[in-house]
Amino acid sequence: MAHEQILTAAGLSGETLHGGTLAVTTPIDGREIARVHQHTAAEMDAMIDAARDAFESWRTVPAPRRGELVRLIGEELRASKEQLGALVSLECGKIVQEGMGEVQEMIDICDFAVGVSRQLHGLTIASERPGHVMRETWHPLGVCGVISAFNFPVAVWSWNAALALVCGDPVIWKPSEKTPLTALATQGIVERALARFGDAPPALSQVAIGGAELGAALTASPHVALVSATGSTRMGRAVASAMAERLGRTILELGGNNAMIVTPSADLDLATRAIVFSAVGTAGQRCTSLRRLIVHDDVFDDLLPRLRSVYDGLPIGDPLTEGVLVGPLIDERAFVAMQNALERSRADGGEVFGGDRTLADEHPDAYYVRPAIVEMPEQTELVREETFAPLLYAMRYRELPDAIAMHNDVPQGLSSCIFSTDVRETEAFLSATGSDCGIANVNIGPSGAEIGGAFGGEKDTGGGRESGADAWRGYMRRQTNTVNYSRELPLAQGISFEI
């Protein structure tokens, strides 16, 4: 399908695509596909005010009724899955299967949130005072901001928005400047659901297009109760600092430097498949991408040739083409960062396989690369850094405690995994002295989480959690109630205070 057809099918045309100041290019061939309007910081302030007005009425709507809106959003996403998935591929460069998978995540979280809308329950707590009862109740929090990254241009918004909406909160979304079109198309889908819903307040869902100044306005406003930010650790620190200054809430999903330990008992065929998808899917531009491979000496020389052989045959090209498994990097900056990392790895004694640019004659303004494997003599400072590209560092180990120590010896703590058929090894990896990440898997790769479990990580990953059984609590405020239904006034802790 031609680029223009994809844009039209996604509901984007006319003034939406033309006349603005923000140029949007597709990483597929580097061509400009739109020039969209950017919002100012003053317009962001007006959006926040409008969202505050929406909150006044939306918080009084019964939660199951709020869930009905999210159900309708899910229906509209189902109807638009193919069109929005293709737009995701066009704008951020992931292959069509992954673009469709991202929209499926949006559908899944809507289904999940609809169920949650009937389960926003607290506790009844035994009181130490006779004739008293204690309760825990949950109430809508307020305006929620979502700052998303280019690599998952729509799913990240949905993880937050679906739950925020059923919890009674309006949402303002600032997408990456690299992927505004998918946000605008998603907003169109939401507006169709709102029209079917009928009586939702205006400004319940808004999109703000622009750069860091809009994120700064969002985090600075005392009227934004929560900001959920996904992106680099550097960006997350700026968001956290600004929100902490005014004691606002954050959900941070930041960098990942994810590793896999492959033990002597591992199923190497299974491990090979997991490694390749985790390391090269989305051209290595997932926060959960596999970046470090820690392999036992006994199987290293068997596994690495297998990987090189598979890498040699990977179909690289236009992500809209059926059968392609590796699309382009998002832009030249990402390519340069990868090449710099490869240069440094050679200086550190690494043996590089792959990593060179390809298809440059066919697409001189796009950046396709052959995924790289770098055999490293040890875990250097370079390896401890995250390079957002299909770059996999492979290292050896002898004893499992040493492998776990190497695994944990990085600033990031998002996702992790071990391949082993020895239950003692797998349980050690999942124990308190094992992986220090928010996600720890056995015999599957680190990439590809489901919305049924909490997603997020520790350390420089930010500590945030999205999805999962109790994620809704992040979008609400907790209140403890004590009710005295007696004619006495006993005090807690047995205190006597007679007047």
Protein backbone atom coordinates (compact mmCIF):
# COMPACT_ATOMS: atom_id res chain seq x y z
CA MET A 1 0.00 0.00 0.00
CA ALA A 2 1.36 3.45 -0.92
CA HIS A 3 2.19 5.86 1.87
CA GLU A 4 -0.62 8.23 0.91
CA GLN A 5 -3.13 5.40 0.96
CA ILE A 6 -2.06 4.43 4.48
CA LEU A 7 -2.52 7.99 5.70
CA THR A 8 -5.95 8.31 4.10
CA ALA A 9 -7.10 4.91 5.40
CA ALA A 10 -6.08 5.99 8.92
CA GLY A 11 -8.33 9.04 8.63
CA LEU A 12 -5.56 11.59 8.06
CA SER A 13 -5.85 14.13 5.27
CA GLY A 14 -6.07 17.80 4.41
CA GLU A 15 -5.20 20.29 7.11
CA THR A 16 -4.12 17.55 9.51
CA LEU A 17 -1.20 16.67 7.24
CA HIS A 18 -0.29 20.03 5.75
CA GLY A 19 0.43 23.62 6.71
CA GLY A 20 2.18 23.01 10.01
CA THR A 21 5.78 23.49 11.15
CA LEU A 22 6.65 19.97 12.36
CA ALA A 23 7.99 17.87 9.51
CA VAL A 24 7.16 14.16 9.78
CA THR A 25 9.29 11.70 7.85
CA THR A 26 8.93 7.98 7.45
CA PRO A 27 12.01 5.93 8.36
CA ILE A 28 11.12 3.56 5.50
CA ASP A 29 12.65 5.86 2.90
CA GLY A 30 13.30 9.13 4.75
CA ARG A 31 10.64 10.95 2.78
CA GLU A 32 8.55 13.70 4.36
CA ILE A 33 4.95 12.51 4.64
CA ALA A 34 3.38 15.37 6.58
CA ARG A 35 3.93 18.77 8.13
CA VAL A 36 1.69 19.10 11.15
CA HIS A 37 0.64 21.90 13.45
CA GLN A 38 2.50 22.18 16.76
CA HIS A 39 0.93 23.38 19.96
CA THR A 40 2.45 26.09 22.12
CA ALA A 41 3.00 26.00 25.86
CA ALA A 42 0.09 28.45 26.18
CA GLU A 43 -2.15 26.04 24.27
CA MET A 44 -1.03 23.27 26.61
CA ASP A 45 -2.13 25.40 29.55
CA ALA A 46 -5.54 25.81 27.89
CA MET A 47 -5.74 22.03 27.39
CA ILE A 48 -5.02 21.49 31.07
CA ASP A 49 -7.78 23.93 32.02
CA ALA A 50 -10.22 22.15 29.70
CA ALA A 51 -9.21 18.78 31.18
CA ARG A 52 -9.84 20.13 34.69
CA ASP A 53 -13.37 21.04 33.63
CA ALA A 54 -13.82 17.55 32.20
CA PHE A 55 -12.66 16.02 35.47
CA GLU A 56 -15.36 17.85 37.44
CA SER A 57 -18.09 15.88 35.69
CA TRP A 58 -16.30 12.67 34.62
CA ARG A 59 -15.36 11.77 38.19
CA THR A 60 -19.07 11.62 39.11
CA VAL A 61 -19.92 9.16 36.33
CA PRO A 62 -20.25 5.60 37.72
CA ALA A 63 -17.13 3.59 36.98
CA PRO A 64 -18.95 0.86 34.99
CA ARG A 65 -20.40 3.59 32.80
CA ARG A 66 -16.89 4.99 32.29
CA GLY A 67 -15.90 1.47 31.36
CA GLU A 68 -18.50 1.52 28.60
CA LEU A 69 -16.57 4.33 26.90
CA VAL A 70 -13.39 2.26 27.00
CA ARG A 71 -15.31 -0.71 25.63
CA LEU A 72 -16.38 1.44 22.68
CA ILE A 73 -12.79 2.59 22.16
CA GLY A 74 -11.80 -1.07 22.00
CA GLU A 75 -14.51 -1.73 19.40
CA GLU A 76 -13.31 1.17 17.27
CA LEU A 77 -9.73 -0.08 17.54
CA ARG A 78 -10.82 -3.52 16.37
CA ALA A 79 -12.46 -1.95 13.34
CA SER A 80 -9.33 0.13 12.60
CA LYS A 81 -6.64 -2.42 13.51
CA GLU A 82 -5.30 -2.92 10.00
CA GLN A 83 -5.27 0.78 9.13
CA LEU A 84 -3.68 1.94 12.41
CA GLY A 85 -1.19 -0.95 12.37
CA ALA A 86 -0.03 0.04 8.89
CA LEU A 87 0.34 3.66 10.03
CA VAL A 88 2.47 2.53 12.99
CA SER A 89 4.74 0.73 10.51
CA LEU A 90 4.89 3.72 8.20
CA GLU A 91 5.70 6.24 10.92
CA CYS A 92 8.07 4.33 13.22
CA GLY A 93 9.43 1.63 10.89
CA LYS A 94 8.43 -1.57 12.66
CA ILE A 95 7.27 -4.46 10.49
CA VAL A 96 3.55 -4.85 9.80
CA GLN A 97 3.20 -7.84 12.13
CA GLU A 98 4.56 -5.74 14.99
CA GLY A 99 2.41 -2.76 14.01
CA MET A 100 -0.69 -4.95 14.15
CA GLY A 101 0.54 -6.44 17.41
CA GLU A 102 0.82 -3.00 18.94
CA VAL A 103 -2.79 -2.22 18.07
CA GLN A 104 -3.79 -5.58 19.51
CA GLU A 105 -2.15 -4.49 22.78
CA MET A 106 -4.42 -1.45 22.73
CA ILE A 107 -7.46 -3.68 22.25
CA ASP A 108 -6.30 -6.00 25.02
CA ILE A 109 -5.83 -3.20 27.56
CA CYS A 110 -9.28 -1.83 26.73
CA ASP A 111 -10.79 -5.25 27.43
CA PHE A 112 -8.79 -5.44 30.63
CA ALA A 113 -9.83 -1.95 31.75
CA VAL A 114 -13.52 -2.63 31.13
CA GLY A 115 -13.31 -5.48 33.64
CA VAL A 116 -11.41 -3.28 36.07
CA SER A 117 -14.19 -0.67 35.90
CA ARG A 118 -16.35 -3.01 38.00
CA GLN A 119 -13.58 -3.84 40.46
CA LEU A 120 -12.33 -0.50 41.79
CA HIS A 121 -12.77 -1.83 45.30
CA GLY A 122 -11.18 -1.01 48.64
CA LEU A 123 -11.23 -2.82 51.97
CA THR A 124 -13.34 -3.09 55.07
CA ILE A 125 -10.90 -3.02 57.99
CA ALA A 126 -11.45 -4.22 61.55
CA SER A 127 -11.34 -1.35 64.02
CA GLU A 128 -9.86 -1.67 67.51
CA ARG A 129 -12.64 0.57 68.82
CA PRO A 130 -16.09 -0.87 69.57
CA GLY A 131 -18.92 0.50 67.47
CA HIS A 132 -16.52 1.63 64.75
CA VAL A 133 -15.73 0.42 61.25
CA MET A 134 -12.84 1.39 58.97
CA ARG A 135 -12.93 1.41 55.18
CA GLU A 136 -10.51 2.06 52.35
CA THR A 137 -12.05 3.85 49.38
CA TRP A 138 -10.60 4.94 46.03
CA HIS A 139 -11.48 8.12 44.17
CA PRO A 140 -10.53 9.63 40.79
CA LEU A 141 -7.17 11.35 40.90
CA GLY A 142 -7.33 14.20 38.39
CA VAL A 143 -5.79 15.20 35.07
CA CYS A 144 -3.28 12.62 33.80
CA GLY A 145 -0.51 13.40 31.32
CA VAL A 146 1.03 10.76 29.06
CA ILE A 147 4.39 11.29 27.37
CA SER A 148 5.14 8.48 24.90
CA ALA A 149 8.16 7.44 22.83
CA PHE A 150 8.48 6.76 19.10
CA ASN A 151 9.05 3.01 19.33
CA PHE A 152 5.59 2.20 20.72
CA PRO A 153 3.75 5.24 19.41
CA VAL A 154 0.22 4.16 20.38
CA ALA A 155 0.35 1.23 22.83
CA VAL A 156 1.96 3.25 25.62
CA TRP A 157 -0.87 5.79 25.50
CA SER A 158 -3.46 3.03 25.71
CA TRP A 159 -1.83 1.31 28.70
CA ASN A 160 -2.34 4.55 30.61
CA ALA A 161 -5.46 6.04 29.05
CA ALA A 162 -7.69 2.95 29.25
CA LEU A 163 -7.13 2.68 33.00
CA ALA A 164 -7.14 6.43 33.64
CA LEU A 165 -10.49 6.83 31.89
CA VAL A 166 -12.22 4.06 33.85
CA CYS A 167 -10.72 5.52 37.03
CA GLY A 168 -12.37 8.86 36.30
CA ASP A 169 -9.42 10.84 34.96
CA PRO A 170 -9.12 12.89 31.75
CA VAL A 171 -5.96 12.35 29.69
CA ILE A 172 -3.61 14.71 27.84
CA TRP A 173 -1.20 12.92 25.50
CA LYS A 174 2.10 14.33 24.29
CA PRO A 175 3.46 11.85 21.74
CA SER A 176 7.01 11.81 20.45
CA GLU A 177 7.70 14.51 17.88
CA LYS A 178 8.86 11.67 15.62
CA THR A 179 5.47 9.95 15.62
CA PRO A 180 2.62 12.49 15.87
CA LEU A 181 0.50 11.00 13.08
CA THR A 182 -0.31 7.80 14.93
CA ALA A 183 -1.43 9.90 17.90
CA LEU A 184 -3.69 12.04 15.72
CA ALA A 185 -5.18 8.93 14.10
CA THR A 186 -5.78 7.38 17.52
CA GLN A 187 -7.47 10.54 18.71
CA GLY A 188 -9.80 10.25 15.73
CA ILE A 189 -10.66 6.71 16.81
CA VAL A 190 -11.35 7.92 20.36
CA GLU A 191 -13.58 10.71 19.06
CA ARG A 192 -15.68 8.16 17.17
CA ALA A 193 -16.10 6.21 20.42
CA LEU A 194 -16.99 9.41 22.29
CA ALA A 195 -19.65 10.23 19.70
CA ARG A 196 -21.20 6.78 20.21
CA PHE A 197 -20.97 7.15 23.99
CA GLY A 198 -22.98 10.35 23.81
CA ASP A 199 -22.60 12.23 27.08
CA ALA A 200 -18.90 12.43 27.91
CA PRO A 201 -17.53 15.88 28.76
CA PRO A 202 -15.44 17.73 26.17
CA ALA A 203 -11.65 17.55 26.51
CA LEU A 204 -11.71 14.10 28.11
CA SER A 205 -8.99 12.98 25.70
CA GLN A 206 -6.60 15.48 24.10
CA VAL A 207 -3.41 15.31 22.04
CA ALA A 208 -0.67 17.95 22.25
CA ILE A 209 1.86 17.94 19.40
CA GLY A 210 5.26 19.47 19.99
CA GLY A 211 8.63 19.23 21.65
CA ALA A 212 10.11 19.24 25.11
CA GLU A 213 8.51 22.56 26.02
CA LEU A 214 5.11 20.88 26.03
CA GLY A 215 6.35 18.15 28.31
CA ALA A 216 7.76 20.84 30.57
CA ALA A 217 4.40 22.64 30.66
CA LEU A 218 2.65 19.38 31.50
CA THR A 219 4.99 18.53 34.36
CA ALA A 220 5.09 22.08 35.71
CA SER A 221 1.35 22.53 36.06
CA PRO A 222 0.02 21.98 39.58
CA HIS A 223 -3.26 20.95 37.96
CA VAL A 224 -1.79 17.78 36.41
CA ALA A 225 -2.00 15.11 39.09
CA LEU A 226 0.02 12.41 37.33
CA VAL A 227 2.48 12.20 34.45
CA SER A 228 3.31 8.83 32.95
CA ALA A 229 6.48 9.16 30.87
CA THR A 230 8.11 6.57 28.63
CA GLY A 231 11.51 7.21 27.06
CA SER A 232 15.14 7.70 27.95
CA THR A 233 16.48 7.79 31.50
CA ARG A 234 17.64 11.36 30.86
CA MET A 235 14.11 12.43 29.97
CA GLY A 236 12.70 10.52 32.93
CA ARG A 237 14.99 12.29 35.36
CA ALA A 238 13.80 15.66 34.05
CA VAL A 239 10.16 14.63 34.44
CA ALA A 240 10.74 13.17 37.91
CA SER A 241 12.57 16.27 39.08
CA ALA A 242 9.87 18.64 37.86
CA MET A 243 7.06 16.55 39.36
CA ALA A 244 8.89 16.07 42.66
CA GLU A 245 9.32 19.81 42.95
CA ARG A 246 5.54 20.10 43.32
CA LEU A 247 4.99 16.64 44.87
CA GLY A 248 3.15 15.32 41.81
CA ARG A 249 2.92 11.65 40.90
CA THR A 250 4.86 9.90 38.16
CA ILE A 251 4.88 6.56 36.39
CA LEU A 252 8.27 6.22 34.70
CA GLU A 253 9.11 3.60 32.05
CA LEU A 254 12.68 4.37 31.05
CA GLY A 255 15.79 2.67 29.70
CA GLY A 256 16.48 -1.04 29.54
CA ASN A 257 19.71 -3.01 29.13
CA ASN A 258 18.16 -6.43 29.15
CA ALA A 259 20.09 -9.67 29.40
CA MET A 260 19.63 -13.39 28.86
CA ILE A 261 21.61 -16.05 30.71
CA VAL A 262 22.03 -19.28 28.74
CA THR A 263 23.03 -22.21 30.93
CA PRO A 264 24.54 -25.60 29.93
CA SER A 265 21.13 -27.29 30.25
CA ALA A 266 19.35 -24.79 27.98
CA ASP A 267 17.39 -25.84 24.91
CA LEU A 268 19.59 -24.05 22.37
CA ASP A 269 17.06 -24.23 19.54
CA LEU A 270 14.51 -22.49 21.72
CA ALA A 271 17.07 -20.01 22.98
CA THR A 272 18.17 -19.14 19.44
CA ARG A 273 14.65 -18.27 18.36
CA ALA A 274 14.10 -16.17 21.48
CA ILE A 275 17.41 -14.36 21.09
CA VAL A 276 16.79 -13.38 17.48
CA PHE A 277 13.31 -11.97 18.03
CA SER A 278 14.30 -10.19 21.24
CA ALA A 279 17.46 -8.69 19.77
CA VAL A 280 16.33 -7.68 16.27
CA GLY A 281 12.54 -7.14 16.64
CA THR A 282 11.63 -3.48 16.03
CA ALA A 283 15.24 -3.19 14.78
CA GLY A 284 16.42 -3.44 18.38
CA GLN A 285 14.44 -0.34 19.34
CA ARG A 286 12.32 -1.74 22.16
CA CYS A 287 12.94 -0.87 25.78
CA THR A 288 12.77 -4.64 26.34
CA SER A 289 15.13 -5.55 23.47
CA LEU A 290 17.82 -8.11 24.29
CA ARG A 291 21.16 -6.30 24.52
CA ARG A 292 23.38 -8.63 26.57
CA LEU A 293 23.82 -12.37 26.10
CA ILE A 294 25.58 -14.14 28.97
CA VAL A 295 26.42 -17.69 27.88
CA HIS A 296 28.08 -20.57 29.73
CA ASP A 297 31.49 -21.58 28.42
CA ASP A 298 30.25 -25.08 27.65
CA VAL A 299 27.67 -23.91 25.10
CA PHE A 300 29.06 -20.56 23.90
CA ASP A 301 30.90 -22.04 20.92
CA ASP A 302 27.79 -23.94 19.88
CA LEU A 303 25.29 -21.10 20.28
CA LEU A 304 27.18 -18.22 18.66
CA PRO A 305 27.66 -19.89 15.24
CA ARG A 306 23.93 -20.67 15.23
CA LEU A 307 23.13 -17.04 15.84
CA ARG A 308 25.51 -15.77 13.17
CA SER A 309 23.96 -18.16 10.67
CA VAL A 310 20.44 -16.93 11.43
CA TYR A 311 21.55 -13.30 11.36
CA ASP A 312 23.09 -13.86 7.91
CA GLY A 313 19.69 -14.83 6.53
CA LEU A 314 17.49 -12.18 8.14
CA PRO A 315 15.24 -10.41 5.59
CA ILE A 316 15.93 -6.67 5.93
CA GLY A 317 13.91 -4.06 4.10
CA ASP A 318 10.67 -2.12 3.77
CA PRO A 319 8.65 -3.08 6.88
CA LEU A 320 5.42 -2.88 4.87
CA THR A 321 6.61 -5.77 2.69
CA GLU A 322 5.45 -9.23 3.66
CA GLY A 323 8.25 -11.49 4.87
CA VAL A 324 10.58 -8.70 6.02
CA LEU A 325 11.70 -9.19 9.64
CA VAL A 326 13.99 -6.19 10.17
CA GLY A 327 12.94 -2.68 9.25
CA PRO A 328 14.92 0.57 9.46
CA LEU A 329 16.29 2.50 12.40
CA ILE A 330 14.19 5.52 13.22
CA ASP A 331 16.71 8.05 11.87
CA GLU A 332 20.34 8.95 11.16
CA ARG A 333 21.00 9.81 14.79
CA ALA A 334 20.17 6.24 15.81
CA PHE A 335 22.47 4.89 13.10
CA VAL A 336 25.35 7.10 14.20
CA ALA A 337 24.89 6.03 17.83
CA MET A 338 25.05 2.38 16.78
CA GLN A 339 28.19 2.90 14.71
CA ASN A 340 29.87 4.77 17.56
CA ALA A 341 29.06 1.90 19.92
CA LEU A 342 30.53 -0.64 17.46
CA GLU A 343 33.69 1.45 17.16
CA ARG A 344 34.04 1.60 20.93
CA SER A 345 33.39 -2.13 21.25
CA ARG A 346 36.28 -2.88 18.89
CA ALA A 347 38.50 -0.64 21.00
CA ASP A 348 37.44 -2.67 24.04
CA GLY A 349 38.52 -5.91 22.38
CA GLY A 350 35.15 -6.90 20.93
CA GLU A 351 34.80 -9.03 17.80
CA VAL A 352 32.04 -7.52 15.64
CA PHE A 353 29.75 -9.48 13.37
CA GLY A 354 27.36 -7.39 11.22
CA GLY A 355 26.30 -3.87 12.08
CA ASP A 356 26.99 -2.26 8.70
CA ARG A 357 24.53 -0.15 6.76
CA THR A 358 22.55 -1.78 3.97
CA LEU A 359 20.08 -0.68 1.24
CA ALA A 360 21.74 2.74 1.15
CA ASP A 361 21.62 2.87 -2.67
CA GLU A 362 17.92 2.06 -2.71
CA HIS A 363 17.06 4.29 0.27
CA PRO A 364 19.80 6.93 0.67
CA ASP A 365 17.74 8.89 3.22
CA ALA A 366 16.80 5.86 5.35
CA TYR A 367 18.96 3.87 7.74
CA TYR A 368 18.78 0.11 7.41
CA VAL A 369 21.47 -1.91 9.18
CA ARG A 370 22.46 -5.51 9.52
CA PRO A 371 21.86 -6.53 13.14
CA ALA A 372 25.14 -6.89 15.02
CA ILE A 373 26.57 -9.46 17.41
CA VAL A 374 29.66 -8.39 19.33
CA GLU A 375 31.64 -11.01 21.24
CA MET A 376 33.07 -9.15 24.22
CA PRO A 377 35.89 -10.35 26.50
CA GLU A 378 34.07 -8.85 29.50
CA GLN A 379 31.27 -6.50 30.47
CA THR A 380 32.82 -3.08 29.85
CA GLU A 381 31.39 0.36 30.59
CA LEU A 382 30.13 0.43 26.99
CA VAL A 383 28.13 -2.75 27.55
CA ARG A 384 26.58 -1.19 30.65
CA GLU A 385 25.13 1.56 28.45
CA GLU A 386 21.96 1.14 26.40
CA THR A 387 22.34 1.58 22.64
CA PHE A 388 18.91 1.74 21.00
CA ALA A 389 19.71 -0.45 17.99
CA PRO A 390 19.99 -4.13 16.99
CA LEU A 391 23.29 -4.55 18.82
CA LEU A 392 23.81 -7.67 20.95
CA TYR A 393 26.84 -8.12 23.21
CA ALA A 394 27.78 -11.75 23.88
CA MET A 395 29.91 -12.73 26.89
CA ARG A 396 30.97 -15.93 28.66
CA TYR A 397 30.58 -17.13 32.23
CA ARG A 398 31.57 -20.18 34.29
CA GLU A 399 29.45 -20.15 37.47
CA LEU A 400 25.79 -19.08 37.74
CA PRO A 401 26.37 -16.64 40.66
CA ASP A 402 28.93 -14.87 38.45
CA ALA A 403 26.44 -14.72 35.58
CA ILE A 404 23.76 -13.23 37.84
CA ALA A 405 26.24 -10.71 39.21
CA MET A 406 27.17 -9.70 35.65
CA HIS A 407 23.51 -9.57 34.73
CA ASN A 408 22.71 -7.16 37.58
CA ASP A 409 25.82 -5.01 37.18
CA VAL A 410 24.16 -2.37 34.98
CA PRO A 411 22.25 0.81 35.89
CA GLN A 412 19.02 -0.36 34.23
CA GLY A 413 16.59 -2.95 35.60
CA LEU A 414 13.71 -3.55 33.20
CA SER A 415 13.51 -7.08 31.76
CA SER A 416 15.57 -10.24 32.08
CA CYS A 417 15.51 -13.95 31.35
CA ILE A 418 17.28 -17.26 31.80
CA PHE A 419 17.27 -20.30 29.53
CA SER A 420 17.70 -23.46 31.55
CA THR A 421 15.99 -26.80 32.18
CA ASP A 422 17.45 -27.04 35.69
CA VAL A 423 14.87 -25.90 38.24
CA ARG A 424 17.60 -25.00 40.72
CA GLU A 425 19.05 -22.51 38.24
CA THR A 426 15.71 -21.02 37.24
CA GLU A 427 14.49 -20.61 40.80
CA ALA A 428 17.79 -19.04 41.82
CA PHE A 429 17.36 -16.54 38.99
CA LEU A 430 13.83 -15.68 40.18
CA SER A 431 14.80 -15.44 43.85
CA ALA A 432 15.67 -12.39 45.95
CA THR A 433 19.34 -12.96 45.09
CA GLY A 434 18.64 -13.41 41.37
CA SER A 435 17.54 -10.93 38.71
CA ASP A 436 17.06 -7.39 40.02
CA CYS A 437 14.69 -6.45 37.19
CA GLY A 438 10.98 -5.71 37.27
CA ILE A 439 10.42 -8.52 34.74
CA ALA A 440 12.16 -11.89 35.01
CA ASN A 441 11.36 -14.71 32.58
CA VAL A 442 12.28 -18.37 32.23
CA ASN A 443 12.74 -19.92 28.78
CA ILE A 444 11.28 -16.94 26.95
CA GLY A 445 13.07 -13.77 25.90
CA PRO A 446 12.87 -10.40 27.68
CA SER A 447 10.75 -8.80 24.95
CA GLY A 448 7.00 -9.17 24.54
CA ALA A 449 5.08 -8.54 27.76
CA GLU A 450 1.35 -9.18 28.21
CA ILE A 451 -1.03 -6.62 29.72
CA GLY A 452 -2.17 -9.08 32.40
CA GLY A 453 1.08 -8.60 34.31
CA ALA A 454 2.62 -5.43 35.70
CA PHE A 455 5.09 -3.90 33.23
CA GLY A 456 8.05 -1.85 34.42
CA GLY A 457 11.45 -1.97 36.05
CA GLU A 458 13.82 -0.84 38.76
CA LYS A 459 16.90 1.38 39.07
CA ASP A 460 17.37 3.66 36.05
CA THR A 461 14.26 2.16 34.47
CA GLY A 462 12.32 4.40 36.83
CA GLY A 463 10.30 2.08 39.05
CA GLY A 464 7.01 2.61 37.23
CA ARG A 465 4.40 -0.07 36.60
CA GLU A 466 1.72 -0.17 33.92
CA SER A 467 -0.96 -2.81 33.31
CA GLY A 468 -1.30 -5.70 35.73
CA ALA A 469 -3.86 -6.49 38.42
CA ASP A 470 -3.46 -3.38 40.61
CA ALA A 471 -2.14 -0.83 38.10
CA TRP A 472 -5.46 1.07 38.35
CA ARG A 473 -4.47 2.26 41.80
CA GLY A 474 -1.83 4.51 40.25
CA TYR A 475 -4.60 6.58 38.65
CA MET A 476 -6.68 7.00 41.81
CA ARG A 477 -6.30 8.46 45.27
CA ARG A 478 -6.77 6.30 48.36
CA GLN A 479 -8.88 7.46 51.27
CA THR A 480 -9.19 5.84 54.71
CA ASN A 481 -12.60 6.26 56.35
CA THR A 482 -13.51 5.60 59.99
CA VAL A 483 -17.20 5.52 60.88
CA ASN A 484 -18.45 5.65 64.48
CA TYR A 485 -21.93 4.14 64.61
CA SER A 486 -22.04 3.99 68.42
CA ARG A 487 -23.03 6.59 71.04
CA GLU A 488 -19.56 6.46 72.62
CA LEU A 489 -16.28 8.07 71.61
CA PRO A 490 -13.48 5.65 72.48
CA LEU A 491 -10.04 6.80 71.30
CA ALA A 492 -7.52 4.69 69.45
CA GLN A 493 -4.59 3.18 71.33
CA GLY A 494 -6.71 3.24 74.51
CA ILE A 495 -6.02 6.94 75.12
CA SER A 496 -8.14 8.53 77.82
CA PHE A 497 -9.04 12.21 77.30
CA GLU A 498 -12.00 13.18 79.48
CA ILE A 499 -13.47 16.67 79.51
